[in-house]
Amino acid sequence: MDNKILSLKEKFVSELDKIDNLADIESIRVSYLGKKGSITALLKGMKDLPNEERKTFGAEVNKLKAQAAQL
């Protein structure tokens, strides 16, 4: 699962580099942080993880979410 977080972060950063206008920013924000966004999907998928992995996985996803919101 950590590979998913890392690849999603790399994809997010590469898409940010290609931004030309405000509409692109909003589109990327929605596609990652929106109700059906990629990061949100990772958080929803936590229910399928064993209890031992949930805590660390959740912390990593929340860290990615905070970074994405800040950028």
Protein backbone atom coordinates (compact mmCIF):
# COMPACT_ATOMS: atom_id res chain seq x y z
CA MET A 1 0.00 0.00 0.00
CA ASP A 2 2.88 2.37 0.63
CA ASN A 3 3.73 2.16 -3.06
CA LYS A 4 0.27 3.52 -3.83
CA ILE A 5 0.88 6.53 -1.60
CA LEU A 6 4.29 7.21 -3.11
CA SER A 7 3.12 6.87 -6.70
CA LEU A 8 0.08 9.05 -6.02
CA LYS A 9 2.32 11.72 -4.49
CA GLU A 10 4.66 11.64 -7.50
CA LYS A 11 1.72 11.87 -9.89
CA PHE A 12 0.26 14.79 -7.93
CA VAL A 13 3.54 16.71 -7.98
CA SER A 14 4.04 16.10 -11.70
CA GLU A 15 0.52 17.37 -12.44
CA LEU A 16 1.17 20.48 -10.33
CA ASP A 17 4.19 21.27 -12.49
CA LYS A 18 1.97 21.37 -15.59
CA ILE A 19 -0.54 23.91 -14.22
CA ASP A 20 -1.24 26.88 -16.48
CA ASN A 21 -4.27 28.52 -14.85
CA LEU A 22 -6.61 28.52 -11.86
CA ALA A 23 -9.05 26.12 -13.50
CA ASP A 24 -6.29 23.51 -13.65
CA ILE A 25 -5.61 23.97 -9.94
CA GLU A 26 -9.26 23.40 -9.09
CA SER A 27 -9.45 20.37 -11.35
CA ILE A 28 -6.42 18.78 -9.69
CA ARG A 29 -7.73 19.62 -6.23
CA VAL A 30 -11.03 17.91 -6.94
CA SER A 31 -9.43 14.87 -8.56
CA TYR A 32 -7.26 14.25 -5.49
CA LEU A 33 -9.09 15.76 -2.51
CA GLY A 34 -12.69 15.72 -3.71
CA LYS A 35 -15.43 13.36 -2.61
CA LYS A 36 -14.40 10.79 -5.23
CA GLY A 37 -10.75 11.81 -5.33
CA SER A 38 -7.70 9.57 -5.29
CA ILE A 39 -6.57 10.45 -1.78
CA THR A 40 -10.10 10.11 -0.46
CA ALA A 41 -10.31 6.67 -2.05
CA LEU A 42 -7.16 5.61 -0.21
CA LEU A 43 -8.72 6.71 3.07
CA LYS A 44 -11.90 4.79 2.31
CA GLY A 45 -9.85 1.71 1.45
CA MET A 46 -8.34 1.61 4.92
CA LYS A 47 -11.26 -0.49 6.16
CA ASP A 48 -9.81 -3.46 4.24
CA LEU A 49 -6.44 -3.25 6.00
CA PRO A 50 -5.48 -5.23 9.09
CA ASN A 51 -5.59 -3.22 12.31
CA GLU A 52 -1.80 -3.15 12.66
CA GLU A 53 -1.34 -1.51 9.26
CA ARG A 54 -4.23 0.94 9.54
CA LYS A 55 -2.52 3.32 11.93
CA THR A 56 0.67 3.83 9.90
CA PHE A 57 -1.13 3.79 6.56
CA GLY A 58 -3.67 6.34 7.79
CA ALA A 59 -0.93 8.60 9.10
CA GLU A 60 0.88 8.50 5.75
CA VAL A 61 -2.29 9.19 3.77
CA ASN A 62 -3.23 12.07 6.06
CA LYS A 63 0.27 13.50 5.63
CA LEU A 64 -0.13 13.28 1.85
CA LYS A 65 -3.56 14.89 2.09
CA ALA A 66 -2.16 17.81 4.11
CA GLN A 67 0.69 18.30 1.65
CA ALA A 68 -1.70 18.23 -1.30
CA ALA A 69 -4.01 20.75 0.35
CA GLN A 70 -1.10 23.05 1.12
CA LEU A 71 0.34 22.93 -2.39
